[in-house]
């Protein structure tokens, strides 16, 4: 059995990753919790995106962490509720 991988365009992949990061960055009841969870999720997503697109994984993680932390800090608890 031969499995063939289908590559999505980079823009679609990065858009999906960004959407997931924005949603998950809202987790937490305090600004600090949302900042920390956003940084963690952003780092993971950034590293994954870099690996998937052939980029530098460390740089992708750093950029993702920064974007996730900023999003988490800017998000109010009432903006996103996963309850």
C-alpha atoms as a PDB file:
ATOM      1  CA  UNK A   1       0.000   0.000   0.000  1.00  0.00           C
ATOM      2  CA  UNK A   2       1.430   3.348  -1.011  1.00  0.00           C
ATOM      3  CA  UNK A   3       0.233   6.459   0.817  1.00  0.00           C
ATOM      4  CA  UNK A   4       0.329   9.686  -1.112  1.00  0.00           C
ATOM      5  CA  UNK A   5       0.512  12.940   0.849  1.00  0.00           C
ATOM      6  CA  UNK A   6      -1.454  15.920  -0.372  1.00  0.00           C
ATOM      7  CA  UNK A   7       0.232  19.258   0.315  1.00  0.00           C
ATOM      8  CA  UNK A   8      -2.037  22.172   1.109  1.00  0.00           C
ATOM      9  CA  UNK A   9      -0.967  25.594  -0.052  1.00  0.00           C
ATOM     10  CA  UNK A  10       1.158  27.347   2.556  1.00  0.00           C
ATOM     11  CA  UNK A  11      -1.283  30.217   2.931  1.00  0.00           C
ATOM     12  CA  UNK A  12      -4.137  27.865   3.807  1.00  0.00           C
ATOM     13  CA  UNK A  13      -1.968  25.965   6.282  1.00  0.00           C
ATOM     14  CA  UNK A  14      -0.717  29.111   7.984  1.00  0.00           C
ATOM     15  CA  UNK A  15      -4.234  30.557   8.098  1.00  0.00           C
ATOM     16  CA  UNK A  16      -5.542  27.456   9.842  1.00  0.00           C
ATOM     17  CA  UNK A  17      -2.655  27.505  12.307  1.00  0.00           C
ATOM     18  CA  UNK A  18      -3.261  31.178  13.041  1.00  0.00           C
ATOM     19  CA  UNK A  19      -6.964  30.556  13.668  1.00  0.00           C
ATOM     20  CA  UNK A  20      -6.222  27.721  16.091  1.00  0.00           C
ATOM     21  CA  UNK A  21      -3.650  29.846  17.904  1.00  0.00           C
ATOM     22  CA  UNK A  22      -6.090  32.740  18.298  1.00  0.00           C
ATOM     23  CA  UNK A  23      -8.807  30.485  19.684  1.00  0.00           C
ATOM     24  CA  UNK A  24      -6.561  28.640  22.113  1.00  0.00           C
ATOM     25  CA  UNK A  25      -4.780  31.788  23.264  1.00  0.00           C
ATOM     26  CA  UNK A  26      -7.996  32.763  25.016  1.00  0.00           C
ATOM     27  CA  UNK A  27      -7.720  29.884  27.499  1.00  0.00           C
ATOM     28  CA  UNK A  28      -7.325  31.043  31.087  1.00  0.00           C
ATOM     29  CA  UNK A  29      -9.141  33.280  33.500  1.00  0.00           C
ATOM     30  CA  UNK A  30      -6.383  35.830  34.141  1.00  0.00           C
ATOM     31  CA  UNK A  31      -4.252  37.824  31.754  1.00  0.00           C
ATOM     32  CA  UNK A  32      -1.151  35.958  32.920  1.00  0.00           C
ATOM     33  CA  UNK A  33      -2.754  32.565  32.307  1.00  0.00           C
ATOM     34  CA  UNK A  34      -3.922  33.586  28.844  1.00  0.00           C
ATOM     35  CA  UNK A  35      -0.469  34.988  28.037  1.00  0.00           C
ATOM     36  CA  UNK A  36       1.260  31.789  29.185  1.00  0.00           C
ATOM     37  CA  UNK A  37      -1.158  29.449  27.411  1.00  0.00           C
ATOM     38  CA  UNK A  38      -0.975  31.578  24.278  1.00  0.00           C
ATOM     39  CA  UNK A  39       2.825  31.458  24.330  1.00  0.00           C
ATOM     40  CA  UNK A  40       2.851  27.699  24.775  1.00  0.00           C
ATOM     41  CA  UNK A  41       0.323  27.012  22.053  1.00  0.00           C
ATOM     42  CA  UNK A  42       1.946  29.571  19.765  1.00  0.00           C
ATOM     43  CA  UNK A  43       5.384  27.990  20.198  1.00  0.00           C
ATOM     44  CA  UNK A  44       4.032  24.545  19.367  1.00  0.00           C
ATOM     45  CA  UNK A  45       2.071  25.770  16.368  1.00  0.00           C
ATOM     46  CA  UNK A  46       4.954  27.930  15.134  1.00  0.00           C
ATOM     47  CA  UNK A  47       7.399  25.038  15.357  1.00  0.00           C
ATOM     48  CA  UNK A  48       4.940  22.751  13.584  1.00  0.00           C
ATOM     49  CA  UNK A  49       4.315  25.264  10.829  1.00  0.00           C
ATOM     50  CA  UNK A  50       8.032  25.786  10.324  1.00  0.00           C
ATOM     51  CA  UNK A  51       8.635  22.049  10.170  1.00  0.00           C
ATOM     52  CA  UNK A  52       5.778  21.574   7.705  1.00  0.00           C
ATOM     53  CA  UNK A  53       6.966  24.353   5.417  1.00  0.00           C
ATOM     54  CA  UNK A  54      10.683  23.592   5.609  1.00  0.00           C
ATOM     55  CA  UNK A  55      11.572  26.580   7.778  1.00  0.00           C
ATOM     56  CA  UNK A  56      13.720  26.909  10.876  1.00  0.00           C
ATOM     57  CA  UNK A  57      11.841  25.190  13.716  1.00  0.00           C
ATOM     58  CA  UNK A  58      13.499  27.267  16.460  1.00  0.00           C
ATOM     59  CA  UNK A  59      12.658  30.518  14.723  1.00  0.00           C
ATOM     60  CA  UNK A  60       9.093  29.319  14.076  1.00  0.00           C
ATOM     61  CA  UNK A  61       8.675  28.456  17.756  1.00  0.00           C
ATOM     62  CA  UNK A  62       9.996  31.855  18.843  1.00  0.00           C
ATOM     63  CA  UNK A  63       7.740  33.770  16.464  1.00  0.00           C
ATOM     64  CA  UNK A  64       4.750  31.606  17.393  1.00  0.00           C
ATOM     65  CA  UNK A  65       5.385  32.077  21.109  1.00  0.00           C
ATOM     66  CA  UNK A  66       5.541  35.840  20.699  1.00  0.00           C
ATOM     67  CA  UNK A  67       2.370  35.965  18.627  1.00  0.00           C
ATOM     68  CA  UNK A  68       0.533  33.616  20.987  1.00  0.00           C
ATOM     69  CA  UNK A  69       1.605  35.526  24.088  1.00  0.00           C
ATOM     70  CA  UNK A  70       0.557  38.849  22.563  1.00  0.00           C
ATOM     71  CA  UNK A  71      -2.795  37.408  21.520  1.00  0.00           C
ATOM     72  CA  UNK A  72      -3.370  35.864  24.952  1.00  0.00           C
ATOM     73  CA  UNK A  73      -2.489  39.118  26.710  1.00  0.00           C
ATOM     74  CA  UNK A  74      -4.787  41.125  24.437  1.00  0.00           C
ATOM     75  CA  UNK A  75      -7.725  38.727  24.828  1.00  0.00           C
ATOM     76  CA  UNK A  76     -10.269  39.360  27.554  1.00  0.00           C
ATOM     77  CA  UNK A  77     -11.788  36.401  29.399  1.00  0.00           C
ATOM     78  CA  UNK A  78     -15.214  37.351  28.049  1.00  0.00           C
ATOM     79  CA  UNK A  79     -13.979  37.478  24.424  1.00  0.00           C
ATOM     80  CA  UNK A  80     -13.498  33.724  24.118  1.00  0.00           C
ATOM     81  CA  UNK A  81     -15.213  31.203  26.347  1.00  0.00           C
ATOM     82  CA  UNK A  82     -14.602  27.490  25.804  1.00  0.00           C
ATOM     83  CA  UNK A  83     -17.006  26.492  28.601  1.00  0.00           C
END
